Amino acid sequence: MKMNYLKLGFAIALTSIIVTGCDDAKTEEAKPNTTTEDPFLASTAASMRVAVLEDFTGVRCGYCPDGHVRATAAQQELGGDKFIILAVHGGSYASPATGWANFTTAFGSALIAQSSVAGYPAGTINRVKAADLGVSPQISGGIAMSRGSWATAAKAINAMPSPVNLGAKAEFNSTTRELTVKVDGYYTAEESAQNNINVALIQSKLMSKQSGATTDPYEQNHVLRHLITGQWGEVITDAKTVGAKVRKTYTYSVPADYNGTTTEGGGAVVIENCNVVVFVSRDKTDILTALEIPITVK
């Protein structure tokens, strides 16, 4: 009888161990997965190209205000989602001078040099050769054109299919002054050429003296402040086949001002007046599409 009680006790203990072990395993398996991926920001449907005007301008350029008027008119006609303006202050009319604001950047000279500019204001539309867009270049074979051709060239770009779609969002931490830009790309056609992602910070409502203006001070808009991804952007090393996705995150510490806040400076950064422009180019030229987004302040 003692042996039977011992066997029964051992069986109960063993059953308890097995049941407890099974309960523990079930509890471990039931833990929820809290890891979630951010929603993909780019459309997967085929789309047409967005036009990007790089308006080469300067505070001492007497005809440049008319260029600004024409750029705004084209944007209003085509829509802000189809026509994006980057006002690039560069060249002799924008170089630092006593009593004049300095809105120049480290990037303007190289952009102007590759565009074959003959006079100001000049502009490029998606860095495509002017003749290929059905308008006259300022210099034969160049991509720069005069202000009267911008709208026509932009419409030609809008009629072209884009091989890649973009989606993006931008957040600014007001405590750390860190700007975070998340960019998603989706390829609807294969790209064999090198593609670069470009991220630009632009600012509007900057007040300054301006030659040729009817008001003083004059409101400068869409002013290029910085190219966060560098002069020609970051090379896309991911696959660029149909259905391929590209996901990038960029951070940038935004300074309090550019070129100082005196009369000869470029003024303070007011983040509420800033937007981010994202575009994909084939190396240094041929912008395939673009997107302009506001910045969320936190």
Protein backbone atom coordinates (compact mmCIF):
# COMPACT_ATOMS: atom_id res chain seq x y z
CA MET A 1 0.00 0.00 0.00
CA LYS A 2 2.80 2.40 0.76
CA MET A 3 4.17 1.85 -2.73
CA ASN A 4 0.77 2.63 -4.29
CA TYR A 5 0.53 5.92 -2.38
CA LEU A 6 4.05 6.81 -3.46
CA LYS A 7 3.27 6.05 -7.09
CA LEU A 8 0.06 8.07 -6.90
CA GLY A 9 1.89 11.04 -5.34
CA PHE A 10 4.60 10.94 -7.98
CA ALA A 11 1.98 10.81 -10.77
CA ILE A 12 0.14 13.86 -9.37
CA ALA A 13 3.37 15.84 -9.02
CA LEU A 14 4.43 14.94 -12.55
CA THR A 15 1.02 15.96 -13.95
CA SER A 16 1.26 19.28 -12.10
CA ILE A 17 4.67 19.98 -13.61
CA ILE A 18 3.44 19.17 -17.12
CA VAL A 19 0.29 21.32 -16.79
CA THR A 20 2.24 24.24 -15.31
CA GLY A 21 4.84 23.99 -18.07
CA CYS A 22 2.13 24.05 -20.73
CA ASP A 23 0.47 27.10 -19.15
CA ASP A 24 3.78 28.98 -19.12
CA ALA A 25 4.36 28.19 -22.80
CA LYS A 26 0.88 29.41 -23.73
CA THR A 27 1.42 32.65 -21.80
CA GLU A 28 4.71 33.30 -23.63
CA GLU A 29 3.11 32.68 -27.04
CA ALA A 30 0.20 34.98 -26.24
CA LYS A 31 2.41 38.09 -25.84
CA PRO A 32 1.34 40.65 -28.46
CA ASN A 33 3.75 41.86 -31.17
CA THR A 34 4.09 45.61 -30.59
CA THR A 35 6.48 46.23 -33.51
CA THR A 36 4.71 48.09 -36.35
CA GLU A 37 6.09 49.53 -39.57
CA ASP A 38 5.25 53.12 -40.52
CA PRO A 39 2.63 53.37 -43.27
CA PHE A 40 4.13 53.61 -46.75
CA LEU A 41 3.83 57.21 -47.94
CA ALA A 42 4.14 56.91 -51.74
CA SER A 43 1.37 55.99 -54.16
CA THR A 44 1.78 52.76 -56.13
CA ALA A 45 -0.30 53.99 -59.10
CA ALA A 46 1.44 55.27 -62.22
CA SER A 47 1.58 59.09 -62.36
CA MET A 48 2.86 62.00 -64.40
CA ARG A 49 5.86 64.18 -63.58
CA VAL A 50 5.75 67.23 -61.36
CA ALA A 51 7.47 70.33 -62.74
CA VAL A 52 10.29 71.91 -60.71
CA LEU A 53 11.39 75.46 -61.51
CA GLU A 54 14.83 76.46 -60.24
CA ASP A 55 14.50 80.23 -60.53
CA PHE A 56 17.95 81.84 -60.56
CA THR A 57 17.41 85.23 -58.99
CA GLY A 58 19.05 87.99 -56.95
CA VAL A 59 18.14 90.98 -54.79
CA ARG A 60 19.90 93.41 -57.16
CA CYS A 61 18.31 92.00 -60.32
CA GLY A 62 15.84 94.56 -61.67
CA TYR A 63 13.88 92.10 -63.86
CA CYS A 64 13.72 89.35 -61.24
CA PRO A 65 10.45 90.50 -59.63
CA ASP A 66 8.77 89.92 -63.00
CA GLY A 67 10.23 86.42 -62.93
CA HIS A 68 8.68 85.87 -59.52
CA VAL A 69 5.30 87.04 -60.84
CA ARG A 70 5.50 84.65 -63.80
CA ALA A 71 6.55 81.74 -61.58
CA THR A 72 3.62 82.36 -59.23
CA ALA A 73 1.22 82.62 -62.17
CA ALA A 74 2.42 79.28 -63.56
CA GLN A 75 2.03 77.66 -60.15
CA GLN A 76 -1.50 79.01 -59.80
CA GLU A 77 -2.41 77.82 -63.30
CA LEU A 78 -0.96 74.32 -63.00
CA GLY A 79 -1.46 73.80 -59.25
CA GLY A 80 1.01 73.56 -56.40
CA ASP A 81 1.05 69.77 -56.72
CA LYS A 82 2.17 70.05 -60.36
CA PHE A 83 4.54 73.03 -60.23
CA ILE A 84 7.14 73.63 -57.50
CA ILE A 85 9.34 76.73 -57.18
CA LEU A 86 12.88 76.83 -55.82
CA ALA A 87 14.19 80.41 -55.76
CA VAL A 88 17.97 80.03 -56.01
CA HIS A 89 19.75 83.28 -55.15
CA GLY A 90 23.09 83.21 -56.92
CA GLY A 91 25.36 84.96 -59.38
CA SER A 92 26.54 88.56 -59.39
CA TYR A 93 23.11 90.03 -58.60
CA ALA A 94 22.87 87.98 -55.40
CA SER A 95 26.44 88.07 -54.11
CA PRO A 96 26.97 89.78 -50.71
CA ALA A 97 26.99 93.59 -50.88
CA THR A 98 26.65 96.40 -48.36
CA GLY A 99 23.03 97.24 -47.66
CA TRP A 100 21.63 94.21 -49.47
CA ALA A 101 20.33 90.94 -48.04
CA ASN A 102 22.39 87.82 -48.62
CA PHE A 103 20.16 84.87 -49.53
CA THR A 104 22.94 82.90 -51.22
CA THR A 105 23.79 79.29 -50.38
CA ALA A 106 26.74 77.01 -50.94
CA PHE A 107 24.80 75.32 -53.74
CA GLY A 108 23.76 78.12 -56.12
CA SER A 109 26.99 78.52 -58.07
CA ALA A 110 27.16 74.86 -59.16
CA LEU A 111 23.49 74.84 -60.16
CA ILE A 112 23.97 77.97 -62.25
CA ALA A 113 27.18 76.68 -63.80
CA GLN A 114 25.59 73.48 -65.12
CA SER A 115 22.57 75.37 -66.49
CA SER A 116 24.32 77.65 -69.04
CA VAL A 117 22.80 80.90 -67.81
CA ALA A 118 23.15 83.96 -70.08
CA GLY A 119 21.08 86.51 -68.12
CA TYR A 120 18.82 86.97 -65.13
CA PRO A 121 16.24 85.95 -64.27
CA ALA A 122 16.86 82.51 -65.72
CA GLY A 123 15.31 79.21 -64.84
CA THR A 124 15.48 75.49 -65.44
CA ILE A 125 12.49 73.18 -65.56
CA ASN A 126 13.40 69.77 -64.12
CA ARG A 127 16.99 70.31 -65.34
CA VAL A 128 15.93 69.09 -68.78
CA LYS A 129 17.40 70.69 -71.89
CA ALA A 130 15.18 73.60 -72.90
CA ALA A 131 14.99 72.48 -76.53
CA ASP A 132 13.67 69.08 -75.43
CA LEU A 133 10.74 70.89 -73.79
CA GLY A 134 9.92 72.86 -76.90
CA VAL A 135 11.37 76.22 -75.82
CA SER A 136 14.51 78.20 -76.60
CA PRO A 137 17.54 77.90 -74.30
CA GLN A 138 19.46 80.99 -73.23
CA ILE A 139 22.59 79.31 -74.60
CA SER A 140 22.44 76.65 -77.31
CA GLY A 141 22.24 73.17 -75.83
CA GLY A 142 21.66 74.51 -72.30
CA ILE A 143 18.93 73.81 -69.76
CA ALA A 144 18.42 77.44 -68.67
CA MET A 145 15.61 79.41 -70.30
CA SER A 146 14.16 82.89 -69.95
CA ARG A 147 11.13 83.59 -67.77
CA GLY A 148 8.68 83.73 -70.67
CA SER A 149 9.21 80.02 -71.35
CA TRP A 150 8.77 78.60 -67.86
CA ALA A 151 5.03 77.84 -68.03
CA THR A 152 5.27 76.22 -71.47
CA ALA A 153 8.18 74.03 -70.40
CA ALA A 154 6.39 73.03 -67.20
CA LYS A 155 3.34 71.86 -69.14
CA ALA A 156 5.61 69.67 -71.27
CA ILE A 157 7.02 68.10 -68.11
CA ASN A 158 3.52 67.51 -66.67
CA ALA A 159 2.69 65.51 -69.82
CA MET A 160 5.54 63.04 -69.21
CA PRO A 161 5.08 59.84 -67.16
CA SER A 162 7.20 59.53 -64.05
CA PRO A 163 8.99 56.24 -63.35
CA VAL A 164 8.87 56.88 -59.60
CA ASN A 165 6.36 58.20 -57.08
CA LEU A 166 7.26 60.02 -53.88
CA GLY A 167 5.70 60.37 -50.46
CA ALA A 168 7.21 62.24 -47.51
CA LYS A 169 6.60 63.83 -44.14
CA ALA A 170 8.65 66.34 -42.15
CA GLU A 171 8.73 67.04 -38.42
CA PHE A 172 10.62 69.76 -36.54
CA ASN A 173 11.53 69.47 -32.86
CA SER A 174 11.32 73.02 -31.54
CA THR A 175 13.48 72.14 -28.51
CA THR A 176 16.40 70.50 -30.30
CA ARG A 177 15.83 72.28 -33.66
CA GLU A 178 16.18 68.92 -35.39
CA LEU A 179 14.28 68.44 -38.63
CA THR A 180 13.40 64.84 -39.54
CA VAL A 181 12.29 64.05 -43.09
CA LYS A 182 10.98 60.62 -44.02
CA VAL A 183 10.91 59.83 -47.75
CA ASP A 184 9.31 56.87 -49.50
CA GLY A 185 9.68 56.10 -53.19
CA TYR A 186 7.88 53.57 -55.39
CA TYR A 187 9.02 52.64 -58.90
CA THR A 188 6.32 52.17 -61.54
CA ALA A 189 8.91 51.71 -64.30
CA GLU A 190 12.47 50.42 -64.28
CA GLU A 191 15.32 52.92 -64.06
CA SER A 192 18.73 51.84 -65.35
CA ALA A 193 20.38 55.24 -64.84
CA GLN A 194 21.72 56.46 -61.51
CA ASN A 195 18.95 58.05 -59.44
CA ASN A 196 19.52 60.53 -56.60
CA ILE A 197 17.17 61.58 -53.79
CA ASN A 198 17.30 65.32 -53.09
CA VAL A 199 15.81 67.05 -50.04
CA ALA A 200 15.63 70.85 -49.97
CA LEU A 201 14.56 73.30 -47.26
CA ILE A 202 12.85 76.45 -48.58
CA GLN A 203 11.49 79.52 -46.80
CA SER A 204 8.94 82.18 -47.72
CA LYS A 205 7.94 85.59 -46.32
CA LEU A 206 11.53 86.83 -46.08
CA MET A 207 11.56 90.62 -46.32
CA SER A 208 14.33 92.58 -48.03
CA LYS A 209 15.19 95.38 -50.40
CA GLN A 210 14.80 94.28 -54.05
CA SER A 211 15.77 96.01 -57.30
CA GLY A 212 12.82 96.44 -59.64
CA ALA A 213 10.25 95.95 -56.89
CA THR A 214 7.27 98.23 -56.39
CA THR A 215 7.29 97.68 -52.63
CA ASP A 216 9.99 98.13 -49.99
CA PRO A 217 10.56 95.86 -48.21
CA TYR A 218 9.83 93.16 -50.76
CA GLU A 219 8.60 89.66 -49.88
CA GLN A 220 10.92 86.87 -51.03
CA ASN A 221 9.26 83.46 -51.36
CA HIS A 222 10.35 79.85 -52.01
CA VAL A 223 13.93 80.81 -51.14
CA LEU A 224 16.35 77.87 -51.16
CA ARG A 225 17.92 77.71 -47.70
CA HIS A 226 19.69 74.37 -47.74
CA LEU A 227 20.06 71.11 -49.64
CA ILE A 228 19.92 68.57 -46.83
CA THR A 229 21.18 65.73 -49.04
CA GLY A 230 24.07 67.78 -50.44
CA GLN A 231 24.73 69.43 -53.80
CA TRP A 232 23.44 66.60 -56.01
CA GLY A 233 21.54 64.40 -53.57
CA GLU A 234 22.05 60.88 -52.24
CA VAL A 235 22.51 58.04 -54.72
CA ILE A 236 19.78 55.40 -54.52
CA THR A 237 21.54 52.06 -54.10
CA ASP A 238 18.33 50.01 -53.74
CA ALA A 239 16.74 48.20 -56.67
CA LYS A 240 14.99 50.45 -59.19
CA THR A 241 12.77 47.84 -60.83
CA VAL A 242 8.98 47.91 -61.20
CA GLY A 243 7.42 47.60 -57.75
CA ALA A 244 10.64 48.43 -55.88
CA LYS A 245 10.33 50.53 -52.73
CA VAL A 246 12.83 52.99 -51.31
CA ARG A 247 12.60 54.22 -47.70
CA LYS A 248 14.91 56.92 -46.32
CA THR A 249 15.07 59.10 -43.21
CA TYR A 250 17.12 62.31 -43.02
CA THR A 251 17.84 64.53 -40.04
CA TYR A 252 19.16 68.08 -40.12
CA SER A 253 19.91 70.57 -37.35
CA VAL A 254 18.27 73.78 -38.52
CA PRO A 255 20.28 76.90 -37.62
CA ALA A 256 18.65 79.95 -36.11
CA ASP A 257 19.49 81.95 -39.25
CA TYR A 258 21.36 81.82 -42.54
CA ASN A 259 24.11 84.38 -43.22
CA GLY A 260 23.15 86.41 -40.14
CA THR A 261 20.22 88.64 -39.25
CA THR A 262 21.65 92.07 -40.04
CA THR A 263 20.67 94.03 -43.16
CA GLU A 264 23.35 92.13 -45.09
CA GLY A 265 22.26 88.75 -43.71
CA GLY A 266 19.81 86.16 -44.93
CA GLY A 267 17.48 86.45 -41.97
CA ALA A 268 16.15 84.26 -39.20
CA VAL A 269 14.62 80.87 -39.86
CA VAL A 270 10.90 80.94 -39.14
CA ILE A 271 10.03 77.27 -39.41
CA GLU A 272 6.31 78.02 -39.87
CA ASN A 273 7.26 79.74 -43.16
CA CYS A 274 9.37 76.81 -44.35
CA ASN A 275 8.54 73.80 -46.50
CA VAL A 276 10.49 70.75 -47.61
CA VAL A 277 10.86 69.82 -51.28
CA VAL A 278 11.83 66.26 -52.18
CA PHE A 279 12.77 65.22 -55.70
CA VAL A 280 14.45 62.37 -57.57
CA SER A 281 16.92 63.16 -60.34
CA ARG A 282 19.02 61.19 -62.76
CA ASP A 283 22.38 62.09 -61.28
CA LYS A 284 22.73 65.90 -61.58
CA THR A 285 20.00 66.52 -64.17
CA ASP A 286 16.59 65.30 -65.35
CA ILE A 287 14.34 65.61 -62.31
CA LEU A 288 11.88 62.71 -62.56
CA THR A 289 9.31 63.97 -60.09
CA ALA A 290 9.01 66.03 -56.93
CA LEU A 291 6.90 66.76 -53.88
CA GLU A 292 6.54 69.81 -51.63
CA ILE A 293 5.35 69.24 -48.07
CA PRO A 294 4.73 71.38 -44.98
CA ILE A 295 6.64 70.87 -41.74
CA THR A 296 4.91 69.70 -38.58
CA VAL A 297 6.27 71.47 -35.49
CA LYS A 298 6.49 69.53 -32.24
